[in-house]
Protein backbone atom coordinates (compact mmCIF):
# COMPACT_ATOMS: atom_id res chain seq x y z
CA MET A 1 0.00 0.00 0.00
CA TYR A 2 1.26 3.47 -0.84
CA LEU A 3 0.13 5.14 2.40
CA THR A 4 1.66 3.32 5.35
CA LYS A 5 1.63 4.40 8.99
CA GLU A 6 5.18 5.66 8.65
CA VAL A 7 4.37 7.82 5.63
CA LYS A 8 1.32 9.29 7.37
CA ALA A 9 3.32 9.96 10.52
CA GLU A 10 6.01 11.71 8.48
CA ILE A 11 3.45 13.90 6.69
CA PHE A 12 1.79 14.97 9.94
CA LYS A 13 5.15 15.49 11.65
CA LYS A 14 6.33 17.77 8.87
CA HIS A 15 3.14 19.76 8.30
CA GLY A 16 0.95 19.19 11.36
CA GLY A 17 3.49 19.87 14.06
CA SER A 18 3.56 16.36 15.55
CA GLU A 19 2.71 12.81 14.56
CA SER A 20 -0.32 12.74 16.86
CA ASN A 21 -1.79 16.03 15.59
CA THR A 22 -3.76 14.40 12.78
CA GLY A 23 -6.59 16.92 12.89
CA SER A 24 -4.58 20.00 11.99
CA THR A 25 -5.66 21.78 8.84
CA GLU A 26 -2.14 21.88 7.43
CA GLY A 27 -1.63 18.15 8.05
CA GLN A 28 -4.93 17.25 6.42
CA ILE A 29 -4.14 19.37 3.36
CA ALA A 30 -0.71 17.74 3.06
CA LEU A 31 -2.25 14.26 3.37
CA PHE A 32 -4.89 15.07 0.72
CA THR A 33 -2.16 16.40 -1.57
CA HIS A 34 -0.18 13.17 -1.19
CA ARG A 35 -3.29 11.12 -2.02
CA ILE A 36 -4.18 13.38 -4.96
CA ASN A 37 -0.71 12.98 -6.44
CA HIS A 38 -0.96 9.20 -6.10
CA LEU A 39 -4.40 9.04 -7.73
CA THR A 40 -3.28 11.33 -10.55
CA GLY A 41 -0.43 8.94 -11.36
CA HIS A 42 -2.85 6.01 -11.28
CA LEU A 43 -5.24 7.76 -13.67
CA LYS A 44 -2.45 8.49 -16.14
CA LYS A 45 -2.01 4.73 -16.54
CA ASN A 46 -5.69 3.76 -16.20
CA HIS A 47 -7.62 6.51 -17.95
CA LYS A 48 -10.91 4.57 -17.97
CA ASP A 49 -11.05 4.13 -14.18
CA TYR A 50 -14.03 6.41 -13.61
CA ASN A 51 -14.55 5.52 -9.96
CA THR A 52 -11.05 6.69 -9.12
CA GLU A 53 -11.62 9.82 -11.19
CA ARG A 54 -14.76 10.58 -9.20
CA SER A 55 -12.88 10.03 -5.92
CA LEU A 56 -10.11 12.31 -7.10
CA VAL A 57 -12.55 15.12 -7.88
CA ALA A 58 -14.15 14.74 -4.43
CA LEU A 59 -10.73 14.80 -2.75
CA VAL A 60 -9.71 17.93 -4.63
CA GLY A 61 -12.93 19.57 -3.47
CA LYS A 62 -12.25 18.67 0.16
CA ARG A 63 -8.72 20.04 -0.11
CA ARG A 64 -10.03 23.23 -1.71
CA SER A 65 -12.46 23.72 1.20
CA LEU A 66 -9.68 23.26 3.75
CA LEU A 67 -7.43 25.65 1.83
CA ASP A 68 -10.17 28.28 1.78
CA TYR A 69 -10.63 27.84 5.53
CA LEU A 70 -6.89 28.17 6.18
CA LYS A 71 -6.71 31.23 3.95
CA LYS A 72 -9.50 32.86 5.93
CA LYS A 73 -7.94 32.00 9.32
CA ASP A 74 -4.21 32.56 8.69
CA ILE A 75 -3.05 33.87 5.31
CA GLU A 76 0.66 33.47 6.12
CA LYS A 77 0.34 29.74 6.93
CA TYR A 78 -1.69 29.37 3.74
CA ARG A 79 1.00 30.96 1.59
CA ILE A 80 3.77 28.91 3.18
CA LEU A 81 1.81 25.66 2.78
CA ILE A 82 0.94 26.10 -0.90
CA LYS A 83 4.56 26.97 -1.62
CA GLU A 84 5.84 23.86 0.22
CA LEU A 85 3.34 21.52 -1.41
CA GLY A 86 3.55 23.08 -4.86
CA ILE A 87 -0.16 23.74 -5.14
CA ARG A 88 -1.23 26.20 -7.81
CA LYS A 89 -3.44 29.07 -6.72
């Protein structure tokens, strides 16, 4: 599996502050970005996988909502996070 406990812990440690802070907005956005990148690679190989495509669109929408929330709460954290993750906006 592409998303092991260790990978998740590393993502939350880097972006969420600590491994146990799994509810932080920054950590969730980073986790969604990791999953989006994985699904995008899968869809490049399997372009007729419509269920995965639908899941990807839903995940992008969730990430967009969290990014809007973070932008409203703390614009500096938002700018730093999109630069680190390489998200266009």
